[in-house]
Amino acid sequence: MTDIANNVEELYSVLRRRILDEYYFAGQKLSENALAKEFECSRTPIREVFKKLEQDGLIVVRPKSGSYVRIYSGKNYLDLIEVRAYLEGLAFRLSVERGADTSEMEALNSTMDDIIVTAPIDMMTYAEVHYRFHREFIRMSGNELLENFFERLNLKSSHLFLQTMNPEIARKTQEEHWRIINLVKARDPKGEKFVIQHLWKKRDYLGY
């Protein structure tokens, strides 16, 4: 038995990352037996992990058929963007009310600035730091329920992020990130609307 097989959370993290990195393709069937053999464990922890992945919306469990990596369409991503836009708008309002410290957001955005000046841009690394930037923004709100909602939604959209990103969009995104940071620091109430618009623009990238 491998060390990771003794920890359901670690096993969950490995399989979740594989799905987000598209190690498993959309629609692929995941075999309990094959994974149990790979990680040298029983099928019980694999089933527990599958339940968590299903709750995340990353796999679909079909009775008498098996578990499959969920296929997300542009419409699915659109729905997620619309909800996230207003969650982050609320995060802005709460962060301003609580006088949140933006230093971590600034550091993360500086890292993304450095990434996009390289050629070619490492979009996978950019996506990872981009996720951390928005997660920090939500964390600054001080609202745990908001954090939980964000985590669930972002898990479902992470592997679609790269499909709508290119160097030009990345540069525009960075400019808007700095504006969001400055609006938080200035405690400008107009920032809530700007944050919503920042996310809403992704609908245009999908052609909606």
N, C-alpha and C. Protein backbone atom coordinates (compact mmCIF):
# COMPACT_ATOMS: atom_id res chain seq x y z
N MET A 1 0.85 -1.20 0.00
CA MET A 1 0.00 0.00 0.00
C MET A 1 0.88 1.25 0.00
N THR A 2 0.58 2.20 -0.88
CA THR A 2 1.36 3.44 -0.95
C THR A 2 0.97 4.37 0.19
N ASP A 3 1.85 5.34 0.50
CA ASP A 3 1.58 6.29 1.58
C ASP A 3 0.32 7.10 1.29
N ILE A 4 0.14 7.49 0.04
CA ILE A 4 -1.01 8.32 -0.32
C ILE A 4 -2.32 7.57 -0.15
N ALA A 5 -2.29 6.25 -0.29
CA ALA A 5 -3.50 5.46 -0.16
C ALA A 5 -4.06 5.49 1.25
N ASN A 6 -3.21 5.84 2.22
CA ASN A 6 -3.66 5.90 3.61
C ASN A 6 -4.39 7.20 3.93
N ASN A 7 -4.39 8.14 3.01
CA ASN A 7 -4.98 9.45 3.26
C ASN A 7 -5.96 9.79 2.13
N VAL A 8 -7.26 9.75 2.44
CA VAL A 8 -8.28 10.01 1.43
C VAL A 8 -8.14 11.42 0.87
N GLU A 9 -7.80 12.39 1.73
CA GLU A 9 -7.67 13.77 1.27
C GLU A 9 -6.54 13.92 0.25
N GLU A 10 -5.43 13.23 0.49
CA GLU A 10 -4.31 13.30 -0.46
C GLU A 10 -4.68 12.63 -1.77
N LEU A 11 -5.37 11.51 -1.67
CA LEU A 11 -5.80 10.80 -2.87
C LEU A 11 -6.78 11.66 -3.67
N TYR A 12 -7.66 12.32 -2.94
CA TYR A 12 -8.62 13.24 -3.57
C TYR A 12 -7.89 14.37 -4.29
N SER A 13 -6.87 14.93 -3.64
CA SER A 13 -6.11 16.04 -4.24
C SER A 13 -5.42 15.60 -5.53
N VAL A 14 -4.88 14.39 -5.52
CA VAL A 14 -4.19 13.88 -6.72
C VAL A 14 -5.16 13.71 -7.88
N LEU A 15 -6.30 13.07 -7.62
CA LEU A 15 -7.26 12.83 -8.70
C LEU A 15 -7.92 14.12 -9.16
N ARG A 16 -8.18 15.03 -8.23
CA ARG A 16 -8.75 16.32 -8.60
C ARG A 16 -7.79 17.07 -9.52
N ARG A 17 -6.50 17.09 -9.15
CA ARG A 17 -5.51 17.79 -9.95
C ARG A 17 -5.39 17.16 -11.34
N ARG A 18 -5.46 15.86 -11.41
CA ARG A 18 -5.39 15.19 -12.71
C ARG A 18 -6.54 15.62 -13.62
N ILE A 19 -7.73 15.75 -13.03
CA ILE A 19 -8.88 16.17 -13.83
C ILE A 19 -8.71 17.62 -14.29
N LEU A 20 -8.30 18.49 -13.38
CA LEU A 20 -8.14 19.90 -13.73
C LEU A 20 -7.02 20.11 -14.75
N ASP A 21 -6.00 19.27 -14.69
CA ASP A 21 -4.88 19.37 -15.64
C ASP A 21 -5.16 18.62 -16.93
N GLU A 22 -6.37 18.02 -17.01
CA GLU A 22 -6.80 17.26 -18.19
C GLU A 22 -5.91 16.04 -18.45
N TYR A 23 -5.37 15.48 -17.36
CA TYR A 23 -4.67 14.20 -17.45
C TYR A 23 -5.69 13.14 -17.86
N TYR A 24 -6.91 13.28 -17.32
CA TYR A 24 -8.04 12.48 -17.78
C TYR A 24 -8.87 13.37 -18.70
N PHE A 25 -9.27 12.86 -19.84
CA PHE A 25 -10.04 13.68 -20.77
C PHE A 25 -11.52 13.70 -20.41
N ALA A 26 -12.20 14.75 -20.83
CA ALA A 26 -13.63 14.90 -20.56
C ALA A 26 -14.39 13.71 -21.13
N GLY A 27 -15.22 13.10 -20.30
CA GLY A 27 -16.00 11.95 -20.73
C GLY A 27 -15.32 10.62 -20.44
N GLN A 28 -14.06 10.65 -20.00
CA GLN A 28 -13.34 9.41 -19.73
C GLN A 28 -13.91 8.69 -18.52
N LYS A 29 -14.02 7.37 -18.63
CA LYS A 29 -14.48 6.57 -17.51
C LYS A 29 -13.32 6.31 -16.56
N LEU A 30 -13.56 6.51 -15.26
CA LEU A 30 -12.55 6.27 -14.25
C LEU A 30 -12.83 4.93 -13.58
N SER A 31 -11.88 4.05 -13.63
CA SER A 31 -12.06 2.70 -13.10
C SER A 31 -11.62 2.60 -11.65
N GLU A 32 -12.54 2.18 -10.78
CA GLU A 32 -12.20 1.97 -9.38
C GLU A 32 -11.11 0.93 -9.25
N ASN A 33 -11.24 -0.15 -10.00
CA ASN A 33 -10.26 -1.24 -9.91
C ASN A 33 -8.87 -0.79 -10.35
N ALA A 34 -8.82 -0.05 -11.46
CA ALA A 34 -7.52 0.40 -11.98
C ALA A 34 -6.85 1.36 -11.00
N LEU A 35 -7.63 2.27 -10.42
CA LEU A 35 -7.06 3.23 -9.48
C LEU A 35 -6.64 2.55 -8.18
N ALA A 36 -7.44 1.59 -7.73
CA ALA A 36 -7.09 0.84 -6.52
C ALA A 36 -5.77 0.10 -6.73
N LYS A 37 -5.59 -0.44 -7.93
CA LYS A 37 -4.35 -1.14 -8.25
C LYS A 37 -3.18 -0.17 -8.32
N GLU A 38 -3.41 1.00 -8.95
CA GLU A 38 -2.34 2.00 -9.09
C GLU A 38 -1.84 2.49 -7.73
N PHE A 39 -2.79 2.76 -6.83
CA PHE A 39 -2.42 3.31 -5.52
C PHE A 39 -2.28 2.24 -4.44
N GLU A 40 -2.42 0.98 -4.86
CA GLU A 40 -2.23 -0.15 -3.96
C GLU A 40 -3.11 -0.03 -2.71
N CYS A 41 -4.40 0.14 -2.97
CA CYS A 41 -5.36 0.25 -1.87
C CYS A 41 -6.64 -0.47 -2.25
N SER A 42 -7.58 -0.52 -1.31
CA SER A 42 -8.87 -1.13 -1.61
C SER A 42 -9.72 -0.15 -2.40
N ARG A 43 -10.88 -0.59 -2.84
CA ARG A 43 -11.77 0.29 -3.60
C ARG A 43 -12.50 1.28 -2.69
N THR A 44 -12.51 1.02 -1.37
CA THR A 44 -13.25 1.89 -0.44
C THR A 44 -12.78 3.34 -0.48
N PRO A 45 -11.48 3.63 -0.33
CA PRO A 45 -11.06 5.04 -0.40
C PRO A 45 -11.29 5.66 -1.77
N ILE A 46 -11.21 4.84 -2.82
CA ILE A 46 -11.48 5.35 -4.17
C ILE A 46 -12.93 5.81 -4.27
N ARG A 47 -13.83 5.02 -3.71
CA ARG A 47 -15.25 5.38 -3.73
C ARG A 47 -15.50 6.66 -2.94
N GLU A 48 -14.81 6.82 -1.81
CA GLU A 48 -14.96 8.04 -1.02
C GLU A 48 -14.50 9.26 -1.82
N VAL A 49 -13.40 9.10 -2.53
CA VAL A 49 -12.88 10.20 -3.35
C VAL A 49 -13.85 10.51 -4.48
N PHE A 50 -14.42 9.49 -5.09
CA PHE A 50 -15.38 9.70 -6.17
C PHE A 50 -16.59 10.51 -5.68
N LYS A 51 -17.02 10.26 -4.45
CA LYS A 51 -18.15 11.01 -3.89
C LYS A 51 -17.80 12.49 -3.78
N LYS A 52 -16.57 12.78 -3.35
CA LYS A 52 -16.14 14.17 -3.21
C LYS A 52 -16.01 14.83 -4.58
N LEU A 53 -15.49 14.10 -5.54
CA LEU A 53 -15.33 14.65 -6.89
C LEU A 53 -16.69 14.90 -7.54
N GLU A 54 -17.65 14.04 -7.22
CA GLU A 54 -19.01 14.23 -7.74
C GLU A 54 -19.64 15.48 -7.13
N GLN A 55 -19.41 15.70 -5.83
CA GLN A 55 -19.92 16.89 -5.17
C GLN A 55 -19.30 18.16 -5.77
N ASP A 56 -18.05 18.05 -6.18
CA ASP A 56 -17.36 19.19 -6.81
C ASP A 56 -17.86 19.44 -8.23
N GLY A 57 -18.59 18.47 -8.77
CA GLY A 57 -19.06 18.62 -10.14
C GLY A 57 -18.01 18.23 -11.17
N LEU A 58 -16.96 17.53 -10.73
CA LEU A 58 -15.89 17.17 -11.65
C LEU A 58 -16.10 15.82 -12.31
N ILE A 59 -16.90 14.96 -11.69
CA ILE A 59 -17.23 13.68 -12.33
C ILE A 59 -18.74 13.46 -12.24
N VAL A 60 -19.22 12.55 -13.06
CA VAL A 60 -20.62 12.16 -13.06
C VAL A 60 -20.68 10.66 -12.78
N VAL A 61 -21.47 10.26 -11.80
CA VAL A 61 -21.61 8.84 -11.46
C VAL A 61 -22.92 8.34 -12.06
N ARG A 62 -22.81 7.37 -12.95
CA ARG A 62 -23.99 6.82 -13.61
C ARG A 62 -24.26 5.42 -13.07
N PRO A 63 -25.44 5.21 -12.47
CA PRO A 63 -25.78 3.90 -11.91
C PRO A 63 -25.60 2.77 -12.93
N LYS A 64 -24.98 1.70 -12.49
CA LYS A 64 -24.76 0.50 -13.29
C LYS A 64 -23.87 0.75 -14.52
N SER A 65 -23.21 1.89 -14.54
CA SER A 65 -22.33 2.21 -15.66
C SER A 65 -20.93 2.57 -15.19
N GLY A 66 -20.85 3.49 -14.22
CA GLY A 66 -19.54 3.88 -13.71
C GLY A 66 -19.41 5.37 -13.49
N SER A 67 -18.19 5.81 -13.26
CA SER A 67 -17.91 7.22 -13.00
C SER A 67 -17.13 7.81 -14.16
N TYR A 68 -17.55 8.99 -14.61
CA TYR A 68 -16.96 9.61 -15.79
C TYR A 68 -16.56 11.06 -15.50
N VAL A 69 -15.47 11.50 -16.11
CA VAL A 69 -15.07 12.90 -16.00
C VAL A 69 -16.14 13.74 -16.69
N ARG A 70 -16.62 14.73 -15.98
CA ARG A 70 -17.74 15.52 -16.51
C ARG A 70 -17.33 16.34 -17.72
N ILE A 71 -18.22 16.43 -18.68
CA ILE A 71 -18.01 17.24 -19.87
C ILE A 71 -18.67 18.60 -19.65
N TYR A 72 -17.86 19.65 -19.69
CA TYR A 72 -18.39 21.01 -19.53
C TYR A 72 -18.42 21.72 -20.86
N SER A 73 -19.52 22.36 -21.14
CA SER A 73 -19.67 23.13 -22.37
C SER A 73 -19.44 24.61 -22.08
N GLY A 74 -19.41 25.41 -23.13
CA GLY A 74 -19.29 26.85 -22.96
C GLY A 74 -20.44 27.40 -22.13
N LYS A 75 -21.63 26.83 -22.29
CA LYS A 75 -22.81 27.29 -21.53
C LYS A 75 -22.61 27.02 -20.05
N ASN A 76 -22.02 25.87 -19.70
CA ASN A 76 -21.74 25.58 -18.29
C ASN A 76 -20.81 26.64 -17.70
N TYR A 77 -19.78 26.98 -18.46
CA TYR A 77 -18.81 27.97 -17.99
C TYR A 77 -19.48 29.33 -17.86
N LEU A 78 -20.37 29.65 -18.79
CA LEU A 78 -21.10 30.91 -18.74
C LEU A 78 -21.91 31.02 -17.45
N ASP A 79 -22.60 29.95 -17.10
CA ASP A 79 -23.40 29.95 -15.86
C ASP A 79 -22.52 30.21 -14.64
N LEU A 80 -21.34 29.58 -14.62
CA LEU A 80 -20.43 29.75 -13.50
C LEU A 80 -19.91 31.18 -13.42
N ILE A 81 -19.60 31.77 -14.57
CA ILE A 81 -19.10 33.14 -14.60
C ILE A 81 -20.14 34.10 -14.03
N GLU A 82 -21.39 33.91 -14.42
CA GLU A 82 -22.45 34.82 -13.96
C GLU A 82 -22.59 34.79 -12.44
N VAL A 83 -22.50 33.60 -11.86
CA VAL A 83 -22.61 33.49 -10.40
C VAL A 83 -21.36 34.06 -9.73
N ARG A 84 -20.19 33.71 -10.26
CA ARG A 84 -18.94 34.19 -9.67
C ARG A 84 -18.84 35.71 -9.70
N ALA A 85 -19.35 36.32 -10.75
CA ALA A 85 -19.27 37.78 -10.88
C ALA A 85 -19.90 38.46 -9.67
N TYR A 86 -21.06 37.98 -9.25
CA TYR A 86 -21.74 38.62 -8.13
C TYR A 86 -21.16 38.20 -6.78
N LEU A 87 -20.60 37.01 -6.71
CA LEU A 87 -19.91 36.61 -5.48
C LEU A 87 -18.70 37.51 -5.24
N GLU A 88 -17.96 37.80 -6.31
CA GLU A 88 -16.77 38.63 -6.15
C GLU A 88 -17.14 40.10 -5.97
N GLY A 89 -18.29 40.49 -6.52
CA GLY A 89 -18.77 41.84 -6.24
C GLY A 89 -19.05 42.01 -4.76
N LEU A 90 -19.66 40.99 -4.16
CA LEU A 90 -19.93 41.00 -2.72
C LEU A 90 -18.62 40.98 -1.94
N ALA A 91 -17.65 40.21 -2.43
CA ALA A 91 -16.35 40.15 -1.76
C ALA A 91 -15.70 41.53 -1.73
N PHE A 92 -15.85 42.28 -2.82
CA PHE A 92 -15.29 43.64 -2.85
C PHE A 92 -15.94 44.49 -1.76
N ARG A 93 -17.27 44.45 -1.69
CA ARG A 93 -17.99 45.27 -0.72
C ARG A 93 -17.54 44.95 0.71
N LEU A 94 -17.45 43.65 1.02
CA LEU A 94 -17.07 43.25 2.37
C LEU A 94 -15.61 43.60 2.67
N SER A 95 -14.75 43.44 1.67
CA SER A 95 -13.33 43.77 1.86
C SER A 95 -13.14 45.25 2.15
N VAL A 96 -13.90 46.08 1.46
CA VAL A 96 -13.83 47.53 1.67
C VAL A 96 -14.34 47.88 3.06
N GLU A 97 -15.47 47.28 3.45
CA GLU A 97 -16.05 47.57 4.76
C GLU A 97 -15.10 47.19 5.89
N ARG A 98 -14.31 46.15 5.67
CA ARG A 98 -13.42 45.65 6.72
C ARG A 98 -12.00 46.18 6.59
N GLY A 99 -11.78 47.05 5.62
CA GLY A 99 -10.44 47.63 5.46
C GLY A 99 -9.38 46.58 5.22
N ALA A 100 -9.66 45.64 4.32
CA ALA A 100 -8.77 44.51 4.08
C ALA A 100 -7.40 44.94 3.55
N ASP A 101 -6.40 44.16 3.92
CA ASP A 101 -5.02 44.38 3.48
C ASP A 101 -4.84 43.74 2.10
N THR A 102 -4.41 44.51 1.11
CA THR A 102 -4.29 44.01 -0.26
C THR A 102 -2.88 43.53 -0.61
N SER A 103 -1.98 43.47 0.35
CA SER A 103 -0.58 43.17 0.05
C SER A 103 -0.39 41.82 -0.65
N GLU A 104 -1.15 40.80 -0.23
CA GLU A 104 -1.01 39.49 -0.86
C GLU A 104 -1.53 39.52 -2.30
N MET A 105 -2.63 40.22 -2.53
CA MET A 105 -3.15 40.36 -3.90
C MET A 105 -2.13 41.07 -4.78
N GLU A 106 -1.48 42.09 -4.24
CA GLU A 106 -0.48 42.83 -5.00
C GLU A 106 0.69 41.93 -5.37
N ALA A 107 1.13 41.11 -4.42
CA ALA A 107 2.25 40.21 -4.68
C ALA A 107 1.90 39.20 -5.76
N LEU A 108 0.70 38.64 -5.69
CA LEU A 108 0.26 37.66 -6.68
C LEU A 108 0.12 38.29 -8.06
N ASN A 109 -0.41 39.51 -8.10
CA ASN A 109 -0.58 40.16 -9.40
C ASN A 109 0.77 40.53 -10.01
N SER A 110 1.73 40.88 -9.17
CA SER A 110 3.09 41.16 -9.66
C SER A 110 3.69 39.90 -10.26
N THR A 111 3.43 38.76 -9.63
CA THR A 111 3.91 37.48 -10.16
C THR A 111 3.32 37.22 -11.53
N MET A 112 2.02 37.49 -11.68
CA MET A 112 1.37 37.29 -12.99
C MET A 112 1.91 38.26 -14.03
N ASP A 113 2.24 39.48 -13.61
CA ASP A 113 2.86 40.44 -14.53
C ASP A 113 4.17 39.86 -15.09
N ASP A 114 4.95 39.24 -14.21
CA ASP A 114 6.22 38.65 -14.63
C ASP A 114 6.00 37.49 -15.60
N ILE A 115 4.95 36.71 -15.35
CA ILE A 115 4.68 35.54 -16.19
C ILE A 115 4.32 35.94 -17.61
N ILE A 116 3.51 36.99 -17.76
CA ILE A 116 3.00 37.33 -19.09
C ILE A 116 4.02 38.06 -19.96
N VAL A 117 5.17 38.45 -19.40
CA VAL A 117 6.18 39.11 -20.23
C VAL A 117 7.14 38.10 -20.83
N THR A 118 7.01 36.84 -20.44
CA THR A 118 7.85 35.80 -21.01
C THR A 118 7.23 35.32 -22.32
N ALA A 119 8.03 34.72 -23.17
CA ALA A 119 7.53 34.21 -24.44
C ALA A 119 8.08 32.80 -24.67
N PRO A 120 7.22 31.80 -24.87
CA PRO A 120 5.76 31.92 -24.80
C PRO A 120 5.29 31.97 -23.34
N ILE A 121 4.10 32.49 -23.13
CA ILE A 121 3.55 32.58 -21.78
C ILE A 121 3.21 31.19 -21.27
N ASP A 122 3.63 30.91 -20.05
CA ASP A 122 3.28 29.64 -19.40
C ASP A 122 1.86 29.79 -18.85
N MET A 123 0.87 29.46 -19.67
CA MET A 123 -0.53 29.68 -19.30
C MET A 123 -0.97 28.81 -18.13
N MET A 124 -0.39 27.62 -17.98
CA MET A 124 -0.76 26.77 -16.87
C MET A 124 -0.36 27.41 -15.54
N THR A 125 0.87 27.94 -15.49
CA THR A 125 1.33 28.62 -14.28
C THR A 125 0.52 29.89 -14.05
N TYR A 126 0.24 30.61 -15.13
CA TYR A 126 -0.57 31.83 -15.01
C TYR A 126 -1.94 31.49 -14.42
N ALA A 127 -2.55 30.41 -14.90
CA ALA A 127 -3.87 30.02 -14.41
C ALA A 127 -3.83 29.69 -12.92
N GLU A 128 -2.76 29.03 -12.47
CA GLU A 128 -2.63 28.67 -11.06
C GLU A 128 -2.54 29.92 -10.19
N VAL A 129 -1.72 30.89 -10.60
CA VAL A 129 -1.56 32.11 -9.81
C VAL A 129 -2.83 32.96 -9.89
N HIS A 130 -3.47 32.94 -11.04
CA HIS A 130 -4.73 33.67 -11.22
C HIS A 130 -5.79 33.16 -10.24
N TYR A 131 -5.85 31.84 -10.09
CA TYR A 131 -6.78 31.24 -9.14
C TYR A 131 -6.47 31.71 -7.72
N ARG A 132 -5.18 31.73 -7.36
CA ARG A 132 -4.78 32.15 -6.02
C ARG A 132 -5.12 33.62 -5.78
N PHE A 133 -5.01 34.43 -6.83
CA PHE A 133 -5.34 35.85 -6.72
C PHE A 133 -6.82 36.03 -6.36
N HIS A 134 -7.69 35.34 -7.10
CA HIS A 134 -9.12 35.49 -6.84
C HIS A 134 -9.52 34.82 -5.52
N ARG A 135 -8.85 33.74 -5.16
CA ARG A 135 -9.13 33.10 -3.87
C ARG A 135 -8.76 34.05 -2.73
N GLU A 136 -7.63 34.75 -2.88
CA GLU A 136 -7.22 35.71 -1.86
C GLU A 136 -8.23 36.86 -1.76
N PHE A 137 -8.75 37.28 -2.91
CA PHE A 137 -9.76 38.34 -2.93
C PHE A 137 -10.98 37.91 -2.12
N ILE A 138 -11.43 36.68 -2.34
CA ILE A 138 -12.57 36.15 -1.60
C ILE A 138 -12.24 36.02 -0.11
N ARG A 139 -11.02 35.55 0.19
CA ARG A 139 -10.61 35.38 1.59
C ARG A 139 -10.63 36.71 2.33
N MET A 140 -10.25 37.78 1.64
CA MET A 140 -10.22 39.11 2.26
C MET A 140 -11.59 39.57 2.74
N SER A 141 -12.65 38.97 2.18
CA SER A 141 -14.00 39.36 2.58
C SER A 141 -14.29 38.96 4.02
N GLY A 142 -13.57 37.95 4.52
CA GLY A 142 -13.78 37.48 5.88
C GLY A 142 -15.04 36.66 6.05
N ASN A 143 -15.64 36.23 4.93
CA ASN A 143 -16.89 35.47 4.97
C ASN A 143 -16.61 34.02 4.56
N GLU A 144 -16.67 33.10 5.52
CA GLU A 144 -16.33 31.70 5.25
C GLU A 144 -17.30 31.04 4.27
N LEU A 145 -18.57 31.39 4.35
CA LEU A 145 -19.55 30.81 3.43
C LEU A 145 -19.25 31.22 2.00
N LEU A 146 -18.86 32.47 1.83
CA LEU A 146 -18.49 32.97 0.51
C LEU A 146 -17.26 32.22 -0.01
N GLU A 147 -16.32 31.95 0.87
CA GLU A 147 -15.12 31.18 0.49
C GLU A 147 -15.50 29.79 0.01
N ASN A 148 -16.41 29.14 0.72
CA ASN A 148 -16.83 27.79 0.35
C ASN A 148 -17.52 27.77 -1.01
N PHE A 149 -18.40 28.74 -1.25
CA PHE A 149 -19.08 28.83 -2.54
C PHE A 149 -18.07 29.02 -3.66
N PHE A 150 -17.12 29.92 -3.43
CA PHE A 150 -16.11 30.21 -4.45
C PHE A 150 -15.30 28.96 -4.78
N GLU A 151 -14.88 28.24 -3.76
CA GLU A 151 -14.06 27.05 -3.97
C GLU A 151 -14.79 26.03 -4.84
N ARG A 152 -16.06 25.83 -4.55
CA ARG A 152 -16.84 24.87 -5.34
C ARG A 152 -16.97 25.33 -6.79
N LEU A 153 -17.29 26.59 -6.98
CA LEU A 153 -17.47 27.10 -8.34
C LEU A 153 -16.17 27.10 -9.11
N ASN A 154 -15.09 27.50 -8.46
CA ASN A 154 -13.83 27.60 -9.17
C ASN A 154 -13.28 26.24 -9.57
N LEU A 155 -13.52 25.22 -8.75
CA LEU A 155 -13.09 23.88 -9.11
C LEU A 155 -13.71 23.46 -10.43
N LYS A 156 -14.97 23.84 -10.62
CA LYS A 156 -15.68 23.43 -11.83
C LYS A 156 -15.23 24.22 -13.05
N SER A 157 -14.67 25.40 -12.84
CA SER A 157 -14.33 26.25 -13.98
C SER A 157 -12.84 26.30 -14.29
N SER A 158 -12.00 25.79 -13.38
CA SER A 158 -10.56 25.92 -13.56
C SER A 158 -10.07 25.33 -14.87
N HIS A 159 -10.55 24.14 -15.22
CA HIS A 159 -10.04 23.49 -16.42
C HIS A 159 -10.59 24.12 -17.70
N LEU A 160 -11.57 25.04 -17.57
CA LEU A 160 -12.09 25.74 -18.74
C LEU A 160 -11.43 27.10 -18.91
N PHE A 161 -10.76 27.57 -17.87
CA PHE A 161 -10.13 28.89 -17.88
C PHE A 161 -9.16 29.02 -19.05
N LEU A 162 -8.34 28.01 -19.25
CA LEU A 162 -7.30 28.07 -20.28
C LEU A 162 -7.88 28.16 -21.68
N GLN A 163 -9.10 27.66 -21.86
CA GLN A 163 -9.72 27.69 -23.18
C GLN A 163 -10.12 29.10 -23.60
N THR A 164 -10.23 30.02 -22.65
CA THR A 164 -10.67 31.38 -22.97
C THR A 164 -9.55 32.40 -22.76
N MET A 165 -8.33 31.94 -22.51
CA MET A 165 -7.23 32.85 -22.20
C MET A 165 -6.21 32.86 -23.33
N ASN A 166 -5.71 34.05 -23.64
CA ASN A 166 -4.62 34.21 -24.59
C ASN A 166 -3.78 35.40 -24.13
N PRO A 167 -2.61 35.65 -24.73
CA PRO A 167 -1.73 36.73 -24.25
C PRO A 167 -2.40 38.11 -24.18
N GLU A 168 -3.19 38.45 -25.18
CA GLU A 168 -3.84 39.77 -25.18
C GLU A 168 -4.84 39.89 -24.04
N ILE A 169 -5.65 38.86 -23.84
CA ILE A 169 -6.63 38.87 -22.75
C ILE A 169 -5.91 38.90 -21.40
N ALA A 170 -4.80 38.16 -21.30
CA ALA A 170 -4.03 38.13 -20.05
C ALA A 170 -3.53 39.53 -19.69
N ARG A 171 -3.04 40.27 -20.67
CA ARG A 171 -2.55 41.63 -20.41
C ARG A 171 -3.67 42.55 -19.94
N LYS A 172 -4.83 42.45 -20.58
CA LYS A 172 -5.97 43.27 -20.18
C LYS A 172 -6.44 42.88 -18.77
N THR A 173 -6.40 41.58 -18.50
CA THR A 173 -6.80 41.08 -17.18
C THR A 173 -5.91 41.66 -16.10
N GLN A 174 -4.60 41.72 -16.37
CA GLN A 174 -3.66 42.25 -15.39
C GLN A 174 -3.94 43.72 -15.08
N GLU A 175 -4.22 44.49 -16.11
CA GLU A 175 -4.53 45.91 -15.91
C GLU A 175 -5.76 46.07 -15.02
N GLU A 176 -6.76 45.23 -15.26
CA GLU A 176 -7.98 45.32 -14.47
C GLU A 176 -7.75 44.84 -13.04
N HIS A 177 -6.87 43.87 -12.85
CA HIS A 177 -6.54 43.42 -11.50
C HIS A 177 -5.95 44.56 -10.68
N TRP A 178 -5.03 45.31 -11.29
CA TRP A 178 -4.43 46.44 -10.57
C TRP A 178 -5.47 47.50 -10.24
N ARG A 179 -6.41 47.69 -11.14
CA ARG A 179 -7.46 48.67 -10.86
C ARG A 179 -8.33 48.21 -9.69
N ILE A 180 -8.64 46.91 -9.65
CA ILE A 180 -9.43 46.37 -8.54
C ILE A 180 -8.70 46.58 -7.22
N ILE A 181 -7.41 46.28 -7.21
CA ILE A 181 -6.61 46.46 -6.00
C ILE A 181 -6.66 47.92 -5.53
N ASN A 182 -6.48 48.84 -6.47
CA ASN A 182 -6.49 50.26 -6.11
C ASN A 182 -7.86 50.72 -5.63
N LEU A 183 -8.92 50.15 -6.19
CA LEU A 183 -10.28 50.50 -5.76
C LEU A 183 -10.54 50.01 -4.33
N VAL A 184 -10.01 48.83 -4.01
CA VAL A 184 -10.15 48.32 -2.64
C VAL A 184 -9.40 49.23 -1.67
N LYS A 185 -8.17 49.58 -2.03
CA LYS A 185 -7.35 50.43 -1.16
C LYS A 185 -7.99 51.80 -0.96
N ALA A 186 -8.67 52.30 -2.02
CA ALA A 186 -9.31 53.61 -1.93
C ALA A 186 -10.69 53.53 -1.29
N ARG A 187 -11.15 52.29 -1.04
CA ARG A 187 -12.50 52.06 -0.49
C ARG A 187 -13.56 52.75 -1.35
N ASP A 188 -13.38 52.62 -2.64
CA ASP A 188 -14.28 53.26 -3.60
C ASP A 188 -15.48 52.34 -3.86
N PRO A 189 -16.70 52.75 -3.51
CA PRO A 189 -17.88 51.90 -3.69
C PRO A 189 -18.16 51.54 -5.15
N LYS A 190 -17.62 52.32 -6.09
CA LYS A 190 -17.84 52.02 -7.51
C LYS A 190 -17.10 50.74 -7.91
N GLY A 191 -16.19 50.32 -7.06
CA GLY A 191 -15.40 49.13 -7.37
C GLY A 191 -16.23 47.86 -7.46
N GLU A 192 -17.32 47.80 -6.70
CA GLU A 192 -18.16 46.60 -6.74
C GLU A 192 -18.68 46.35 -8.15
N LYS A 193 -19.15 47.40 -8.80
CA LYS A 193 -19.66 47.28 -10.16
C LYS A 193 -18.53 46.91 -11.12
N PHE A 194 -17.35 47.48 -10.91
CA PHE A 194 -16.23 47.19 -11.79
C PHE A 194 -15.81 45.72 -11.70
N VAL A 195 -15.82 45.18 -10.48
CA VAL A 195 -15.46 43.77 -10.27
C VAL A 195 -16.43 42.86 -11.02
N ILE A 196 -17.71 43.17 -10.93
CA ILE A 196 -18.72 42.37 -11.63
C ILE A 196 -18.48 42.43 -13.14
N GLN A 197 -18.19 43.62 -13.64
CA GLN A 197 -17.93 43.78 -15.08
C GLN A 197 -16.67 43.03 -15.50
N HIS A 198 -15.67 43.01 -14.61
CA HIS A 198 -14.41 42.31 -14.88
C HIS A 198 -14.67 40.83 -15.18
N LEU A 199 -15.52 40.21 -14.36
CA LEU A 199 -15.87 38.80 -14.57
C LEU A 199 -16.82 38.65 -15.74
N TRP A 200 -17.74 39.58 -15.87
CA TRP A 200 -18.78 39.49 -16.90
C TRP A 200 -18.19 39.49 -18.31
N LYS A 201 -17.04 40.14 -18.47
CA LYS A 201 -16.41 40.21 -19.80
C LYS A 201 -16.06 38.84 -20.35
N LYS A 202 -15.87 37.88 -19.46
CA LYS A 202 -15.51 36.54 -19.91
C LYS A 202 -16.63 35.92 -20.75
N ARG A 203 -17.84 36.43 -20.58
CA ARG A 203 -18.95 35.96 -21.42
C ARG A 203 -18.67 36.28 -22.89
N ASP A 204 -18.07 37.46 -23.12
CA ASP A 204 -17.75 37.86 -24.49
C ASP A 204 -16.72 36.93 -25.12
N TYR A 205 -15.78 36.46 -24.29
CA TYR A 205 -14.74 35.56 -24.80
C TYR A 205 -15.33 34.23 -25.26
N LEU A 206 -16.50 33.91 -24.69
CA LEU A 206 -17.17 32.66 -25.07
C LEU A 206 -18.12 32.86 -26.25
N GLY A 207 -18.29 34.12 -26.65
CA GLY A 207 -19.15 34.40 -27.79
C GLY A 207 -20.61 34.55 -27.44
N TYR A 208 -20.91 34.86 -26.14
CA TYR A 208 -22.31 35.04 -25.73
C TYR A 208 -22.61 36.52 -25.61
